[in-house]
Amino acid sequence: MITRLLLVDDHMVVRMGLRMLLENEADLEIIGEASTAQEALQTVHLQRPDVVLMDIGLPDLSGIEATRQIKARFPETAVVALTIHEDEEYFFKMLEAGASGYIPKRAAPEELLTAIKAAAADDVYLYPSLAKLLVKDYLTQEKESENAPDGLTPREQEVLTHLAEGSSNAEIADQLVISPKTVARHRENIMRKLNLHSRTELVKYAIRKGIIQP
């Protein structure tokens, strides 16, 4: 079975190198190239590739946002990140956006081919050093959940305490040195986990658990 592949990178030299590397593979067909997120979205719409090889640093939208939009509109198309970024922030954001693979540009060609084939088979391939980050993050979350009341993480406990004391999202953001959007996300998670529907219920919960004093 032939895997139809779209190359997305804003550097022509990189795309040429990838084409030279991949075009002789008997089970791969490169159906197009894109240098921007918008070009990628348009090509996916017209060509419906099986796999998109996606750079993160694009000039219009990030590869993360492009991946999110592709998976929302064309869920049958798999995305593999091929990027210079190997830090946790980009790695986890790309996975959250729906990527089926994450490969650094320094990886061996064999690993890139493995990732493409895995994605085409509706599987996931992560570069070994980055896969360790995923395992570490999972184990950390498991440990935090075991030690937290009702499954709240330590950060969610902090946000819960401030919310119960009457602080606004903006005030909590200043106190914890995070963005108001992050506070709002923590608040949503807290309310969902605790099955609460109002600040009054939240305050009652905090008093009952001894998190704040009445």
N, C-alpha and C. Protein backbone atom coordinates (compact mmCIF):
# COMPACT_ATOMS: atom_id res chain seq x y z
N MET A 1 0.85 -1.19 0.00
CA MET A 1 0.00 0.00 0.00
C MET A 1 0.89 1.26 0.00
N ILE A 2 0.55 2.19 -0.87
CA ILE A 2 1.33 3.42 -1.00
C ILE A 2 0.86 4.46 0.00
N THR A 3 1.79 5.06 0.73
CA THR A 3 1.49 6.14 1.66
C THR A 3 1.72 7.47 0.97
N ARG A 4 0.68 8.29 0.90
CA ARG A 4 0.76 9.58 0.24
C ARG A 4 1.19 10.63 1.26
N LEU A 5 2.28 11.35 0.94
CA LEU A 5 2.97 12.18 1.91
C LEU A 5 3.04 13.64 1.47
N LEU A 6 2.78 14.55 2.41
CA LEU A 6 2.92 15.99 2.17
C LEU A 6 4.07 16.51 3.02
N LEU A 7 4.99 17.26 2.42
CA LEU A 7 6.14 17.85 3.12
C LEU A 7 5.84 19.30 3.44
N VAL A 8 5.95 19.67 4.72
CA VAL A 8 5.68 21.05 5.14
C VAL A 8 6.89 21.60 5.89
N ASP A 9 7.56 22.55 5.27
CA ASP A 9 8.72 23.22 5.89
C ASP A 9 8.94 24.53 5.16
N ASP A 10 9.29 25.58 5.89
CA ASP A 10 9.44 26.88 5.23
C ASP A 10 10.80 27.05 4.56
N HIS A 11 11.68 26.06 4.68
CA HIS A 11 12.99 26.13 4.03
C HIS A 11 13.01 25.19 2.83
N MET A 12 13.23 25.76 1.65
CA MET A 12 13.24 24.95 0.43
C MET A 12 14.33 23.90 0.45
N VAL A 13 15.48 24.25 1.02
CA VAL A 13 16.59 23.29 1.07
C VAL A 13 16.19 22.06 1.87
N VAL A 14 15.48 22.27 2.97
CA VAL A 14 15.03 21.14 3.79
C VAL A 14 14.05 20.27 3.00
N ARG A 15 13.10 20.92 2.33
CA ARG A 15 12.12 20.15 1.55
C ARG A 15 12.81 19.37 0.43
N MET A 16 13.79 19.98 -0.22
CA MET A 16 14.54 19.29 -1.28
C MET A 16 15.27 18.08 -0.71
N GLY A 17 15.89 18.27 0.46
CA GLY A 17 16.59 17.17 1.09
C GLY A 17 15.66 16.02 1.45
N LEU A 18 14.49 16.36 1.98
CA LEU A 18 13.51 15.33 2.34
C LEU A 18 13.01 14.60 1.09
N ARG A 19 12.78 15.36 0.03
CA ARG A 19 12.31 14.74 -1.21
C ARG A 19 13.35 13.76 -1.75
N MET A 20 14.61 14.18 -1.74
CA MET A 20 15.69 13.30 -2.22
C MET A 20 15.79 12.04 -1.35
N LEU A 21 15.56 12.22 -0.06
CA LEU A 21 15.65 11.09 0.86
C LEU A 21 14.50 10.11 0.70
N LEU A 22 13.31 10.64 0.43
CA LEU A 22 12.10 9.82 0.51
C LEU A 22 11.51 9.39 -0.82
N GLU A 23 11.83 10.10 -1.89
CA GLU A 23 11.11 9.84 -3.14
C GLU A 23 11.44 8.49 -3.77
N ASN A 24 12.55 7.88 -3.36
CA ASN A 24 12.89 6.56 -3.93
C ASN A 24 12.32 5.40 -3.12
N GLU A 25 11.61 5.71 -2.04
CA GLU A 25 10.97 4.66 -1.26
C GLU A 25 9.76 4.14 -2.03
N ALA A 26 9.73 2.84 -2.25
CA ALA A 26 8.70 2.25 -3.12
C ALA A 26 7.29 2.43 -2.57
N ASP A 27 7.16 2.48 -1.26
CA ASP A 27 5.82 2.55 -0.67
C ASP A 27 5.44 3.96 -0.23
N LEU A 28 6.20 4.98 -0.69
CA LEU A 28 5.89 6.37 -0.39
C LEU A 28 5.68 7.16 -1.68
N GLU A 29 4.71 8.05 -1.67
CA GLU A 29 4.48 8.97 -2.79
C GLU A 29 4.36 10.38 -2.24
N ILE A 30 5.27 11.27 -2.62
CA ILE A 30 5.22 12.66 -2.17
C ILE A 30 4.24 13.40 -3.08
N ILE A 31 3.11 13.79 -2.51
CA ILE A 31 2.05 14.39 -3.34
C ILE A 31 2.11 15.91 -3.37
N GLY A 32 3.01 16.50 -2.57
CA GLY A 32 3.11 17.95 -2.59
C GLY A 32 4.03 18.48 -1.51
N GLU A 33 4.27 19.79 -1.58
CA GLU A 33 5.08 20.49 -0.59
C GLU A 33 4.36 21.77 -0.20
N ALA A 34 4.65 22.26 1.00
CA ALA A 34 4.08 23.53 1.46
C ALA A 34 5.11 24.24 2.32
N SER A 35 5.14 25.56 2.19
CA SER A 35 6.09 26.35 2.97
C SER A 35 5.41 27.14 4.08
N THR A 36 4.08 27.13 4.11
CA THR A 36 3.32 27.82 5.16
C THR A 36 2.19 26.92 5.65
N ALA A 37 1.62 27.30 6.78
CA ALA A 37 0.51 26.54 7.34
C ALA A 37 -0.70 26.61 6.42
N GLN A 38 -0.97 27.78 5.87
CA GLN A 38 -2.13 27.93 4.98
C GLN A 38 -1.99 27.07 3.73
N GLU A 39 -0.78 27.04 3.16
CA GLU A 39 -0.55 26.16 2.01
C GLU A 39 -0.77 24.70 2.40
N ALA A 40 -0.31 24.35 3.58
CA ALA A 40 -0.48 22.98 4.05
C ALA A 40 -1.95 22.62 4.18
N LEU A 41 -2.73 23.51 4.80
CA LEU A 41 -4.16 23.26 4.98
C LEU A 41 -4.88 23.14 3.64
N GLN A 42 -4.51 23.99 2.71
CA GLN A 42 -5.14 23.95 1.39
C GLN A 42 -4.79 22.66 0.65
N THR A 43 -3.51 22.26 0.75
CA THR A 43 -3.09 21.03 0.07
C THR A 43 -3.74 19.80 0.68
N VAL A 44 -3.86 19.79 2.00
CA VAL A 44 -4.54 18.66 2.66
C VAL A 44 -5.98 18.60 2.20
N HIS A 45 -6.63 19.76 2.09
CA HIS A 45 -8.01 19.80 1.64
C HIS A 45 -8.16 19.25 0.22
N LEU A 46 -7.22 19.60 -0.66
CA LEU A 46 -7.33 19.19 -2.07
C LEU A 46 -6.81 17.78 -2.32
N GLN A 47 -5.72 17.41 -1.64
CA GLN A 47 -5.03 16.16 -1.97
C GLN A 47 -5.30 15.01 -0.99
N ARG A 48 -5.71 15.36 0.24
CA ARG A 48 -5.97 14.36 1.28
C ARG A 48 -4.81 13.36 1.43
N PRO A 49 -3.64 13.84 1.83
CA PRO A 49 -2.52 12.91 2.03
C PRO A 49 -2.78 12.00 3.23
N ASP A 50 -2.07 10.88 3.26
CA ASP A 50 -2.17 9.98 4.41
C ASP A 50 -1.39 10.53 5.59
N VAL A 51 -0.23 11.13 5.30
CA VAL A 51 0.65 11.63 6.35
C VAL A 51 1.17 13.01 5.95
N VAL A 52 1.22 13.92 6.92
CA VAL A 52 1.84 15.23 6.73
C VAL A 52 3.10 15.28 7.59
N LEU A 53 4.23 15.56 6.97
CA LEU A 53 5.49 15.75 7.69
C LEU A 53 5.59 17.24 7.99
N MET A 54 5.45 17.61 9.27
CA MET A 54 5.19 18.99 9.65
C MET A 54 6.33 19.61 10.47
N ASP A 55 6.84 20.74 9.98
CA ASP A 55 7.77 21.54 10.77
C ASP A 55 6.95 22.39 11.75
N ILE A 56 7.54 22.76 12.89
CA ILE A 56 6.82 23.57 13.86
C ILE A 56 6.97 25.06 13.55
N GLY A 57 8.16 25.48 13.11
CA GLY A 57 8.41 26.90 12.89
C GLY A 57 8.02 27.37 11.51
N LEU A 58 6.75 27.67 11.31
CA LEU A 58 6.25 28.17 10.03
C LEU A 58 5.99 29.68 10.12
N PRO A 59 6.03 30.39 9.00
CA PRO A 59 5.97 31.86 9.06
C PRO A 59 4.60 32.45 9.36
N ASP A 60 3.52 31.73 9.10
CA ASP A 60 2.19 32.31 9.33
C ASP A 60 1.55 31.78 10.62
N LEU A 61 1.31 30.49 10.67
CA LEU A 61 0.84 29.83 11.89
C LEU A 61 1.91 28.85 12.32
N SER A 62 1.94 28.50 13.59
CA SER A 62 2.89 27.48 14.03
C SER A 62 2.45 26.12 13.51
N GLY A 63 3.39 25.21 13.41
CA GLY A 63 3.05 23.85 13.02
C GLY A 63 2.10 23.20 14.00
N ILE A 64 2.14 23.66 15.25
CA ILE A 64 1.23 23.13 16.27
C ILE A 64 -0.20 23.49 15.92
N GLU A 65 -0.44 24.76 15.61
CA GLU A 65 -1.79 25.19 15.25
C GLU A 65 -2.23 24.57 13.93
N ALA A 66 -1.30 24.47 12.98
CA ALA A 66 -1.63 23.83 11.69
C ALA A 66 -2.05 22.38 11.91
N THR A 67 -1.32 21.69 12.79
CA THR A 67 -1.67 20.30 13.11
C THR A 67 -3.05 20.22 13.74
N ARG A 68 -3.32 21.12 14.66
CA ARG A 68 -4.63 21.13 15.34
C ARG A 68 -5.75 21.31 14.31
N GLN A 69 -5.55 22.21 13.37
CA GLN A 69 -6.59 22.46 12.37
C GLN A 69 -6.74 21.29 11.40
N ILE A 70 -5.62 20.70 11.02
CA ILE A 70 -5.69 19.54 10.13
C ILE A 70 -6.45 18.40 10.79
N LYS A 71 -6.14 18.12 12.06
CA LYS A 71 -6.80 17.00 12.73
C LYS A 71 -8.27 17.30 12.98
N ALA A 72 -8.62 18.58 13.15
CA ALA A 72 -10.02 18.93 13.35
C ALA A 72 -10.82 18.77 12.07
N ARG A 73 -10.22 19.13 10.93
CA ARG A 73 -10.94 19.10 9.66
C ARG A 73 -10.79 17.76 8.93
N PHE A 74 -9.62 17.16 9.07
CA PHE A 74 -9.31 15.92 8.33
C PHE A 74 -8.70 14.90 9.27
N PRO A 75 -9.49 14.35 10.19
CA PRO A 75 -8.95 13.46 11.22
C PRO A 75 -8.28 12.21 10.68
N GLU A 76 -8.60 11.86 9.44
CA GLU A 76 -7.99 10.65 8.87
C GLU A 76 -6.55 10.90 8.42
N THR A 77 -6.13 12.14 8.33
CA THR A 77 -4.75 12.47 7.95
C THR A 77 -3.87 12.51 9.19
N ALA A 78 -2.79 11.74 9.17
CA ALA A 78 -1.86 11.71 10.29
C ALA A 78 -0.80 12.79 10.12
N VAL A 79 -0.28 13.29 11.23
CA VAL A 79 0.75 14.33 11.21
C VAL A 79 1.96 13.84 12.01
N VAL A 80 3.13 13.99 11.42
CA VAL A 80 4.39 13.68 12.11
C VAL A 80 5.19 14.97 12.19
N ALA A 81 5.59 15.37 13.38
CA ALA A 81 6.41 16.56 13.55
C ALA A 81 7.87 16.23 13.24
N LEU A 82 8.48 17.04 12.38
CA LEU A 82 9.91 16.93 12.10
C LEU A 82 10.50 18.31 12.37
N THR A 83 11.25 18.45 13.44
CA THR A 83 11.59 19.78 13.93
C THR A 83 12.93 19.81 14.63
N ILE A 84 13.46 21.03 14.78
CA ILE A 84 14.70 21.21 15.54
C ILE A 84 14.40 21.27 17.03
N HIS A 85 13.15 21.48 17.40
CA HIS A 85 12.78 21.65 18.80
C HIS A 85 12.69 20.31 19.52
N GLU A 86 13.44 20.18 20.61
CA GLU A 86 13.40 18.94 21.38
C GLU A 86 13.05 19.18 22.85
N ASP A 87 12.50 20.35 23.16
CA ASP A 87 12.15 20.63 24.55
C ASP A 87 10.72 20.19 24.83
N GLU A 88 10.41 20.08 26.11
CA GLU A 88 9.12 19.54 26.54
C GLU A 88 7.94 20.36 26.04
N GLU A 89 8.07 21.68 26.04
CA GLU A 89 6.95 22.54 25.69
C GLU A 89 6.40 22.21 24.31
N TYR A 90 7.27 22.22 23.30
CA TYR A 90 6.82 21.94 21.93
C TYR A 90 6.36 20.49 21.80
N PHE A 91 7.07 19.59 22.44
CA PHE A 91 6.75 18.17 22.35
C PHE A 91 5.33 17.89 22.82
N PHE A 92 4.99 18.36 24.01
CA PHE A 92 3.67 18.07 24.57
C PHE A 92 2.57 18.83 23.82
N LYS A 93 2.86 20.05 23.40
CA LYS A 93 1.85 20.81 22.65
C LYS A 93 1.55 20.14 21.32
N MET A 94 2.56 19.59 20.67
CA MET A 94 2.33 18.92 19.39
C MET A 94 1.51 17.64 19.58
N LEU A 95 1.79 16.91 20.63
CA LEU A 95 1.00 15.71 20.90
C LEU A 95 -0.44 16.08 21.23
N GLU A 96 -0.63 17.14 22.02
CA GLU A 96 -1.98 17.59 22.35
C GLU A 96 -2.74 18.03 21.10
N ALA A 97 -2.01 18.56 20.12
CA ALA A 97 -2.65 19.00 18.87
C ALA A 97 -3.08 17.83 18.00
N GLY A 98 -2.55 16.65 18.30
CA GLY A 98 -2.97 15.46 17.56
C GLY A 98 -1.91 14.77 16.72
N ALA A 99 -0.65 15.17 16.89
CA ALA A 99 0.42 14.54 16.10
C ALA A 99 0.57 13.07 16.45
N SER A 100 0.90 12.27 15.45
CA SER A 100 1.12 10.83 15.64
C SER A 100 2.59 10.48 15.78
N GLY A 101 3.44 11.48 15.65
CA GLY A 101 4.88 11.22 15.77
C GLY A 101 5.63 12.52 16.00
N TYR A 102 6.82 12.39 16.58
CA TYR A 102 7.64 13.56 16.85
C TYR A 102 9.09 13.17 16.68
N ILE A 103 9.74 13.75 15.65
CA ILE A 103 11.10 13.37 15.28
C ILE A 103 11.97 14.62 15.17
N PRO A 104 13.12 14.65 15.85
CA PRO A 104 14.04 15.79 15.66
C PRO A 104 14.74 15.68 14.32
N LYS A 105 15.12 16.81 13.74
CA LYS A 105 15.75 16.81 12.42
C LYS A 105 17.13 16.14 12.44
N ARG A 106 17.69 15.94 13.62
CA ARG A 106 18.99 15.26 13.70
C ARG A 106 18.84 13.74 13.68
N ALA A 107 17.61 13.24 13.66
CA ALA A 107 17.38 11.79 13.70
C ALA A 107 17.89 11.12 12.43
N ALA A 108 18.16 9.85 12.53
CA ALA A 108 18.61 9.07 11.38
C ALA A 108 17.46 8.88 10.39
N PRO A 109 17.76 8.77 9.10
CA PRO A 109 16.71 8.57 8.09
C PRO A 109 15.81 7.37 8.39
N GLU A 110 16.41 6.31 8.93
CA GLU A 110 15.62 5.11 9.24
C GLU A 110 14.53 5.41 10.27
N GLU A 111 14.85 6.28 11.22
CA GLU A 111 13.86 6.61 12.24
C GLU A 111 12.73 7.45 11.64
N LEU A 112 13.07 8.33 10.71
CA LEU A 112 12.04 9.12 10.05
C LEU A 112 11.10 8.22 9.25
N LEU A 113 11.66 7.28 8.54
CA LEU A 113 10.84 6.34 7.77
C LEU A 113 9.95 5.51 8.68
N THR A 114 10.50 5.09 9.81
CA THR A 114 9.71 4.32 10.77
C THR A 114 8.54 5.14 11.29
N ALA A 115 8.79 6.42 11.57
CA ALA A 115 7.73 7.29 12.08
C ALA A 115 6.63 7.49 11.04
N ILE A 116 7.01 7.69 9.79
CA ILE A 116 6.03 7.89 8.72
C ILE A 116 5.17 6.65 8.56
N LYS A 117 5.81 5.49 8.54
CA LYS A 117 5.06 4.24 8.36
C LYS A 117 4.15 3.95 9.55
N ALA A 118 4.63 4.28 10.75
CA ALA A 118 3.80 4.09 11.93
C ALA A 118 2.56 4.98 11.87
N ALA A 119 2.75 6.24 11.50
CA ALA A 119 1.62 7.16 11.40
C ALA A 119 0.62 6.71 10.34
N ALA A 120 1.14 6.22 9.22
CA ALA A 120 0.26 5.75 8.14
C ALA A 120 -0.57 4.55 8.58
N ALA A 121 -0.03 3.78 9.53
CA ALA A 121 -0.72 2.60 10.04
C ALA A 121 -1.59 2.94 11.26
N ASP A 122 -1.83 4.23 11.47
CA ASP A 122 -2.64 4.71 12.59
C ASP A 122 -1.99 4.35 13.93
N ASP A 123 -0.67 4.38 13.95
CA ASP A 123 0.09 4.11 15.15
C ASP A 123 0.85 5.37 15.54
N VAL A 124 1.63 5.31 16.60
CA VAL A 124 2.38 6.46 17.08
C VAL A 124 3.85 6.10 17.19
N TYR A 125 4.72 7.04 16.77
CA TYR A 125 6.16 6.84 16.94
C TYR A 125 6.75 8.11 17.55
N LEU A 126 7.46 7.92 18.66
CA LEU A 126 8.14 9.03 19.32
C LEU A 126 9.63 8.74 19.40
N TYR A 127 10.42 9.74 19.10
CA TYR A 127 11.87 9.60 19.21
C TYR A 127 12.21 9.18 20.65
N PRO A 128 13.11 8.19 20.81
CA PRO A 128 13.35 7.60 22.14
C PRO A 128 13.58 8.60 23.27
N SER A 129 14.42 9.61 23.06
CA SER A 129 14.71 10.56 24.14
C SER A 129 13.47 11.36 24.51
N LEU A 130 12.58 11.60 23.54
CA LEU A 130 11.35 12.33 23.81
C LEU A 130 10.29 11.43 24.41
N ALA A 131 10.30 10.17 24.04
CA ALA A 131 9.37 9.22 24.65
C ALA A 131 9.61 9.12 26.15
N LYS A 132 10.86 9.26 26.57
CA LYS A 132 11.18 9.25 28.00
C LYS A 132 10.50 10.39 28.73
N LEU A 133 10.39 11.56 28.05
CA LEU A 133 9.71 12.70 28.65
C LEU A 133 8.24 12.37 28.92
N LEU A 134 7.63 11.64 27.97
CA LEU A 134 6.22 11.29 28.11
C LEU A 134 6.03 10.34 29.29
N VAL A 135 6.91 9.36 29.41
CA VAL A 135 6.83 8.42 30.52
C VAL A 135 7.05 9.14 31.85
N LYS A 136 8.05 10.02 31.89
CA LYS A 136 8.35 10.78 33.11
C LYS A 136 7.15 11.64 33.51
N ASP A 137 6.55 12.31 32.52
CA ASP A 137 5.40 13.16 32.80
C ASP A 137 4.23 12.34 33.33
N TYR A 138 4.01 11.17 32.74
CA TYR A 138 2.91 10.30 33.18
C TYR A 138 3.12 9.84 34.62
N LEU A 139 4.36 9.41 34.92
CA LEU A 139 4.65 8.93 36.27
C LEU A 139 4.51 10.06 37.29
N THR A 140 4.95 11.26 36.90
CA THR A 140 4.84 12.40 37.80
C THR A 140 3.38 12.72 38.09
N GLN A 141 2.56 12.70 37.04
CA GLN A 141 1.13 12.99 37.22
C GLN A 141 0.46 11.92 38.08
N GLU A 142 0.87 10.66 37.89
CA GLU A 142 0.30 9.59 38.69
C GLU A 142 0.65 9.80 40.17
N LYS A 143 1.90 10.15 40.44
CA LYS A 143 2.33 10.37 41.82
C LYS A 143 1.61 11.54 42.43
N GLU A 144 1.46 12.63 41.66
CA GLU A 144 0.77 13.82 42.16
C GLU A 144 -0.69 13.51 42.46
N SER A 145 -1.30 12.71 41.58
CA SER A 145 -2.72 12.38 41.76
C SER A 145 -2.93 11.54 43.02
N GLU A 146 -1.97 10.64 43.30
CA GLU A 146 -2.08 9.80 44.49
C GLU A 146 -2.02 10.63 45.77
N ASN A 147 -1.21 11.69 45.73
CA ASN A 147 -0.99 12.49 46.93
C ASN A 147 -1.95 13.68 47.04
N ALA A 148 -2.76 13.90 46.03
CA ALA A 148 -3.63 15.07 46.00
C ALA A 148 -5.05 14.69 46.40
N PRO A 149 -5.76 15.59 47.10
CA PRO A 149 -7.16 15.29 47.43
C PRO A 149 -8.01 15.24 46.18
N ASP A 150 -8.76 14.13 46.06
CA ASP A 150 -9.69 13.97 44.94
C ASP A 150 -9.00 14.11 43.57
N GLY A 151 -7.74 13.74 43.50
CA GLY A 151 -7.05 13.73 42.22
C GLY A 151 -6.55 15.07 41.74
N LEU A 152 -6.59 16.11 42.58
CA LEU A 152 -6.09 17.42 42.16
C LEU A 152 -4.56 17.43 42.21
N THR A 153 -3.96 18.06 41.22
CA THR A 153 -2.51 18.23 41.22
C THR A 153 -2.14 19.32 42.23
N PRO A 154 -0.87 19.39 42.63
CA PRO A 154 -0.46 20.47 43.55
C PRO A 154 -0.80 21.86 43.03
N ARG A 155 -0.63 22.09 41.73
CA ARG A 155 -0.95 23.40 41.17
C ARG A 155 -2.45 23.67 41.27
N GLU A 156 -3.26 22.65 40.99
CA GLU A 156 -4.70 22.82 41.10
C GLU A 156 -5.12 23.10 42.54
N GLN A 157 -4.42 22.48 43.50
CA GLN A 157 -4.70 22.77 44.91
C GLN A 157 -4.41 24.23 45.23
N GLU A 158 -3.31 24.75 44.68
CA GLU A 158 -2.98 26.16 44.90
C GLU A 158 -4.08 27.06 44.33
N VAL A 159 -4.49 26.77 43.10
CA VAL A 159 -5.53 27.58 42.46
C VAL A 159 -6.83 27.46 43.24
N LEU A 160 -7.16 26.26 43.68
CA LEU A 160 -8.37 26.04 44.46
C LEU A 160 -8.38 26.89 45.73
N THR A 161 -7.24 26.92 46.42
CA THR A 161 -7.14 27.71 47.66
C THR A 161 -7.40 29.18 47.39
N HIS A 162 -6.76 29.72 46.34
CA HIS A 162 -6.95 31.13 46.01
C HIS A 162 -8.39 31.42 45.57
N LEU A 163 -8.98 30.50 44.80
CA LEU A 163 -10.37 30.70 44.37
C LEU A 163 -11.30 30.72 45.57
N ALA A 164 -11.08 29.78 46.48
CA ALA A 164 -11.94 29.69 47.67
C ALA A 164 -11.81 30.92 48.55
N GLU A 165 -10.64 31.56 48.51
CA GLU A 165 -10.42 32.77 49.31
C GLU A 165 -10.96 34.02 48.61
N GLY A 166 -11.51 33.84 47.40
CA GLY A 166 -12.17 34.94 46.72
C GLY A 166 -11.33 35.67 45.69
N SER A 167 -10.13 35.15 45.39
CA SER A 167 -9.27 35.83 44.42
C SER A 167 -9.82 35.67 43.00
N SER A 168 -9.61 36.68 42.16
CA SER A 168 -10.01 36.60 40.76
C SER A 168 -8.94 35.85 39.97
N ASN A 169 -9.29 35.50 38.73
CA ASN A 169 -8.31 34.82 37.87
C ASN A 169 -7.06 35.66 37.69
N ALA A 170 -7.24 36.97 37.49
CA ALA A 170 -6.10 37.86 37.28
C ALA A 170 -5.23 37.93 38.53
N GLU A 171 -5.85 37.98 39.70
CA GLU A 171 -5.09 38.02 40.95
C GLU A 171 -4.32 36.74 41.18
N ILE A 172 -4.96 35.62 40.88
CA ILE A 172 -4.28 34.32 41.04
C ILE A 172 -3.11 34.22 40.07
N ALA A 173 -3.31 34.71 38.86
CA ALA A 173 -2.25 34.69 37.86
C ALA A 173 -1.04 35.47 38.34
N ASP A 174 -1.27 36.62 38.94
CA ASP A 174 -0.17 37.44 39.47
C ASP A 174 0.53 36.73 40.62
N GLN A 175 -0.24 36.11 41.49
CA GLN A 175 0.33 35.47 42.67
C GLN A 175 1.14 34.22 42.32
N LEU A 176 0.67 33.48 41.31
CA LEU A 176 1.34 32.22 40.95
C LEU A 176 2.27 32.38 39.76
N VAL A 177 2.33 33.58 39.20
CA VAL A 177 3.19 33.89 38.05
C VAL A 177 2.86 32.97 36.87
N ILE A 178 1.59 32.92 36.55
CA ILE A 178 1.12 32.20 35.38
C ILE A 178 0.11 33.10 34.67
N SER A 179 -0.34 32.70 33.49
CA SER A 179 -1.27 33.55 32.74
C SER A 179 -2.71 33.34 33.22
N PRO A 180 -3.57 34.36 33.06
CA PRO A 180 -4.98 34.19 33.42
C PRO A 180 -5.64 33.03 32.67
N LYS A 181 -5.22 32.80 31.43
CA LYS A 181 -5.78 31.67 30.67
C LYS A 181 -5.44 30.34 31.34
N THR A 182 -4.22 30.24 31.86
CA THR A 182 -3.82 29.02 32.56
C THR A 182 -4.64 28.84 33.83
N VAL A 183 -4.88 29.94 34.54
CA VAL A 183 -5.72 29.88 35.74
C VAL A 183 -7.12 29.39 35.37
N ALA A 184 -7.66 29.94 34.29
CA ALA A 184 -9.01 29.55 33.85
C ALA A 184 -9.06 28.06 33.52
N ARG A 185 -7.99 27.57 32.88
CA ARG A 185 -7.96 26.14 32.54
C ARG A 185 -7.90 25.28 33.80
N HIS A 186 -7.07 25.70 34.77
CA HIS A 186 -7.01 24.97 36.05
C HIS A 186 -8.37 24.99 36.74
N ARG A 187 -9.02 26.14 36.69
CA ARG A 187 -10.33 26.26 37.34
C ARG A 187 -11.34 25.29 36.71
N GLU A 188 -11.34 25.22 35.38
CA GLU A 188 -12.24 24.29 34.70
C GLU A 188 -11.95 22.85 35.11
N ASN A 189 -10.66 22.51 35.18
CA ASN A 189 -10.29 21.15 35.57
C ASN A 189 -10.71 20.84 37.00
N ILE A 190 -10.54 21.82 37.89
CA ILE A 190 -10.92 21.63 39.30
C ILE A 190 -12.42 21.39 39.40
N MET A 191 -13.21 22.23 38.76
CA MET A 191 -14.66 22.10 38.83
C MET A 191 -15.13 20.76 38.25
N ARG A 192 -14.45 20.35 37.16
CA ARG A 192 -14.83 19.07 36.54
C ARG A 192 -14.48 17.90 37.44
N LYS A 193 -13.25 17.91 37.97
CA LYS A 193 -12.81 16.80 38.82
C LYS A 193 -13.64 16.67 40.09
N LEU A 194 -14.02 17.81 40.66
CA LEU A 194 -14.76 17.80 41.92
C LEU A 194 -16.27 17.81 41.74
N ASN A 195 -16.70 17.89 40.47
CA ASN A 195 -18.12 17.93 40.14
C ASN A 195 -18.81 19.10 40.85
N LEU A 196 -18.17 20.27 40.78
CA LEU A 196 -18.71 21.48 41.36
C LEU A 196 -19.20 22.40 40.24
N HIS A 197 -20.17 23.27 40.59
CA HIS A 197 -20.78 24.08 39.54
C HIS A 197 -20.82 25.57 39.86
N SER A 198 -20.30 25.96 41.01
CA SER A 198 -20.31 27.38 41.37
C SER A 198 -19.20 27.65 42.37
N ARG A 199 -18.86 28.93 42.53
CA ARG A 199 -17.84 29.29 43.52
C ARG A 199 -18.32 28.97 44.94
N THR A 200 -19.63 29.07 45.16
CA THR A 200 -20.17 28.75 46.49
C THR A 200 -19.90 27.30 46.85
N GLU A 201 -20.17 26.40 45.90
CA GLU A 201 -19.90 24.98 46.13
C GLU A 201 -18.41 24.74 46.34
N LEU A 202 -17.60 25.50 45.60
CA LEU A 202 -16.16 25.36 45.72
C LEU A 202 -15.69 25.77 47.11
N VAL A 203 -16.22 26.88 47.63
CA VAL A 203 -15.85 27.35 48.97
C VAL A 203 -16.28 26.33 50.03
N LYS A 204 -17.48 25.80 49.89
CA LYS A 204 -17.96 24.79 50.84
C LYS A 204 -17.04 23.57 50.83
N TYR A 205 -16.63 23.17 49.64
CA TYR A 205 -15.72 22.02 49.52
C TYR A 205 -14.41 22.32 50.23
N ALA A 206 -13.85 23.52 50.00
CA ALA A 206 -12.57 23.89 50.59
C ALA A 206 -12.64 23.93 52.10
N ILE A 207 -13.76 24.39 52.65
CA ILE A 207 -13.94 24.42 54.11
C ILE A 207 -14.05 23.00 54.65
N ARG A 208 -14.84 22.17 53.96
CA ARG A 208 -15.05 20.79 54.40
C ARG A 208 -13.75 20.00 54.43
N LYS A 209 -12.87 20.28 53.46
CA LYS A 209 -11.59 19.58 53.36
C LYS A 209 -10.49 20.21 54.21
N GLY A 210 -10.81 21.34 54.84
CA GLY A 210 -9.82 21.99 55.67
C GLY A 210 -8.79 22.77 54.89
N ILE A 211 -9.09 23.06 53.63
CA ILE A 211 -8.16 23.82 52.78
C ILE A 211 -8.15 25.28 53.20
N ILE A 212 -9.32 25.81 53.56
CA ILE A 212 -9.39 27.17 54.13
C ILE A 212 -10.24 27.10 55.39
N GLN A 213 -10.13 28.12 56.21
CA GLN A 213 -10.91 28.19 57.44
C GLN A 213 -12.16 29.04 57.21
N PRO A 214 -13.29 28.63 57.76
CA PRO A 214 -14.52 29.41 57.57
C PRO A 214 -14.44 30.74 58.30
